[in-house]
Protein backbone atom coordinates (compact mmCIF):
# COMPACT_ATOMS: atom_id res chain seq x y z
CA GLY A 1 0.00 0.00 0.00
CA LYS A 2 0.23 3.65 -0.25
CA LEU A 3 1.11 6.00 2.55
CA THR A 4 -2.03 7.71 3.73
CA ALA A 5 -3.03 9.72 6.77
CA HIS A 6 -4.20 6.48 8.41
CA LYS A 7 -1.19 4.37 7.42
CA GLY A 8 2.04 6.07 8.41
CA SER A 9 4.49 3.39 7.32
CA VAL A 10 5.35 1.16 4.38
CA PRO A 11 4.69 -2.53 5.07
CA LEU A 12 7.74 -4.78 5.34
CA HIS A 13 8.15 -7.40 2.63
CA MET A 14 9.21 -10.34 4.81
CA GLN A 15 10.50 -12.60 2.05
CA PHE A 16 12.76 -9.85 0.72
CA PHE A 17 13.93 -8.98 4.25
CA LEU A 18 14.83 -12.59 5.05
CA HIS A 19 16.61 -12.94 1.70
CA ARG A 20 18.69 -9.83 2.42
CA HIS A 21 19.44 -11.08 5.92
CA GLY A 22 20.75 -14.34 4.43
CA GLU A 23 22.93 -12.46 1.96
CA TRP A 24 24.35 -10.18 4.66
CA LEU A 25 25.05 -13.16 6.91
CA MET A 26 26.81 -14.92 4.04
CA LEU A 27 28.90 -11.80 3.39
CA MET A 28 29.90 -11.52 7.06
CA LEU A 29 30.91 -15.18 7.29
CA GLY A 30 32.68 -15.00 3.94
CA GLU A 31 34.74 -12.07 5.23
CA CYS A 32 35.64 -14.15 8.27
CA ILE A 33 36.90 -17.04 6.14
CA LEU A 34 38.62 -14.74 3.65
CA SER A 35 40.53 -12.97 6.42
CA LEU A 36 41.75 -16.37 7.64
CA LEU A 37 42.88 -17.36 4.17
CA LEU A 38 44.77 -14.09 3.67
CA VAL A 39 46.92 -14.84 6.71
CA THR A 40 48.06 -18.10 5.11
CA GLU A 41 49.92 -16.33 2.28
CA HIS A 42 53.02 -15.99 4.50
CA VAL A 43 53.03 -19.63 5.61
CA SER A 44 55.90 -20.45 3.23
CA ASP A 45 58.12 -18.04 5.21
CA VAL A 46 57.46 -19.97 8.43
CA GLU A 47 60.03 -22.54 9.55
CA ARG A 48 59.01 -26.16 9.23
CA SER A 49 58.73 -26.73 13.00
CA ASN A 50 56.40 -23.72 13.40
CA ARG A 51 54.40 -24.59 10.28
CA ILE A 52 52.76 -27.50 12.09
CA ARG A 53 51.80 -25.18 14.93
CA PHE A 54 50.42 -22.70 12.41
CA TYR A 55 48.18 -25.32 10.84
CA MET A 56 47.16 -26.60 14.28
CA THR A 57 45.80 -23.07 14.85
CA PHE A 58 44.47 -22.56 11.32
CA MET A 59 42.32 -25.70 11.11
CA PRO A 60 40.30 -25.05 14.32
CA ALA A 61 39.86 -21.41 13.28
CA LEU A 62 38.52 -22.48 9.89
CA LEU A 63 36.31 -25.10 11.54
CA THR A 64 34.96 -22.44 13.92
CA ALA A 65 34.10 -20.16 11.00
CA ASN A 66 32.35 -23.04 9.22
CA CYS A 67 30.40 -23.93 12.37
CA LEU A 68 29.29 -20.30 12.60
CA GLN A 69 28.01 -20.54 9.05
CA PHE A 70 26.14 -23.77 9.75
CA SER A 71 24.57 -22.49 12.96
CA GLY A 72 23.72 -19.15 11.38
CA TYR A 73 21.64 -20.84 8.71
CA ALA A 74 20.39 -23.88 10.62
CA TYR A 75 18.77 -21.98 13.49
CA GLU A 76 17.22 -19.21 11.46
CA VAL A 77 13.51 -19.26 10.64
CA TRP A 78 13.22 -18.72 6.88
CA SER A 79 9.45 -19.12 6.57
CA THR A 80 7.67 -15.78 6.45
CA ASP A 81 4.52 -17.07 8.17
CA ASP A 82 6.44 -18.49 11.14
CA HIS A 83 8.79 -15.56 11.60
CA VAL A 84 8.41 -13.36 14.69
CA MET A 85 8.54 -10.18 12.59
CA HIS A 86 5.38 -11.32 10.85
CA GLN A 87 3.63 -12.22 14.11
CA SER A 88 4.25 -9.29 16.46
CA LEU A 89 5.56 -5.75 16.33
CA GLY A 90 7.42 -5.90 19.66
CA GLY A 91 8.99 -9.26 18.85
CA GLY A 92 10.02 -7.95 15.46
CA ALA A 93 11.75 -4.93 17.02
CA ILE A 94 13.61 -7.18 19.46
CA CYS A 95 14.55 -9.48 16.58
CA ILE A 96 16.08 -6.58 14.63
CA ILE A 97 18.09 -5.46 17.69
CA LEU A 98 19.33 -9.03 18.19
CA ARG A 99 20.37 -9.20 14.54
CA ILE A 100 22.41 -6.02 14.84
CA ILE A 101 24.19 -7.42 17.90
CA TYR A 102 24.66 -10.74 16.10
CA TYR A 103 26.22 -9.08 13.03
CA GLY A 104 28.65 -7.13 15.21
CA SER A 105 29.63 -10.22 17.15
CA THR A 106 30.14 -12.15 13.89
CA LEU A 107 32.53 -9.46 12.73
CA ALA A 108 34.31 -9.50 16.10
CA THR A 109 34.66 -13.29 15.90
CA GLY A 110 36.29 -12.97 12.48
CA VAL A 111 38.74 -10.41 13.83
CA GLY A 112 39.45 -12.58 16.87
CA LEU A 113 40.12 -15.63 14.69
CA ARG A 114 42.46 -13.64 12.46
CA VAL A 115 44.38 -12.20 15.41
CA SER A 116 44.73 -15.65 16.97
CA LEU A 117 46.05 -16.98 13.68
CA LYS A 118 48.54 -14.13 13.27
CA ASN A 119 49.83 -14.78 16.80
CA TYR A 120 49.84 -18.58 16.53
CA ASN A 121 53.27 -18.95 18.14
CA LYS A 122 52.53 -16.77 21.19
CA THR A 123 50.37 -17.12 24.24
CA PRO A 124 47.14 -15.21 23.51
CA GLU A 125 46.76 -11.89 25.27
CA GLN A 126 43.69 -11.49 27.44
CA PRO A 127 41.93 -8.76 25.38
CA TYR A 128 42.17 -10.88 22.22
CA ALA A 129 40.88 -13.94 24.05
CA TRP A 130 37.94 -11.88 25.33
CA LEU A 131 37.33 -10.62 21.80
CA LEU A 132 37.19 -14.11 20.34
CA PHE A 133 35.34 -16.00 23.04
CA GLY A 134 33.18 -13.12 24.21
CA SER A 135 31.91 -12.52 20.68
CA GLN A 136 31.13 -16.22 20.28
CA ALA A 137 29.23 -16.22 23.56
CA LEU A 138 27.30 -13.16 22.41
CA GLN A 139 26.43 -14.90 19.14
CA TYR A 140 25.16 -17.95 21.01
CA THR A 141 23.09 -15.71 23.30
CA CYS A 142 21.55 -14.00 20.27
CA TYR A 143 20.73 -17.43 18.79
CA MET A 144 18.96 -18.50 21.96
CA PHE A 145 16.95 -15.29 22.36
CA THR A 146 15.97 -15.34 18.69
CA LEU A 147 14.80 -18.94 18.98
CA MET A 148 12.81 -18.04 22.08
CA LEU A 149 11.04 -15.29 20.16
CA HIS A 150 9.83 -17.64 17.42
């Protein structure tokens, strides 16, 4: 519909919104994996003894990024009729806030994984550990609250 004096907003096209959410999520997770792959370009400069340690850090980081992708798509409600934004205004507003937090924590997880991979031969500093594991905990919390809303 049109905007009239009685209708002060444009209705949300849920299918388009969910499609865009999926694309944005894919972009965020792709950036996470790409940033991990860009660190590997200097692996040939690493001594053989440290190369094993590098890959022992790289493989779990890549697995973590892939698990984020799986959980990001597996737990999301993609049906427009079942989605909370279609059912209630308040739930939809909370869902959008949770998505913003989730996107930020996905970006922070990618940065944390990249920093841990760059510093594979050192003991992780506490702020970087908080960045990585705190952002993952925040993502999990957003998953749980989003599932509770649906």
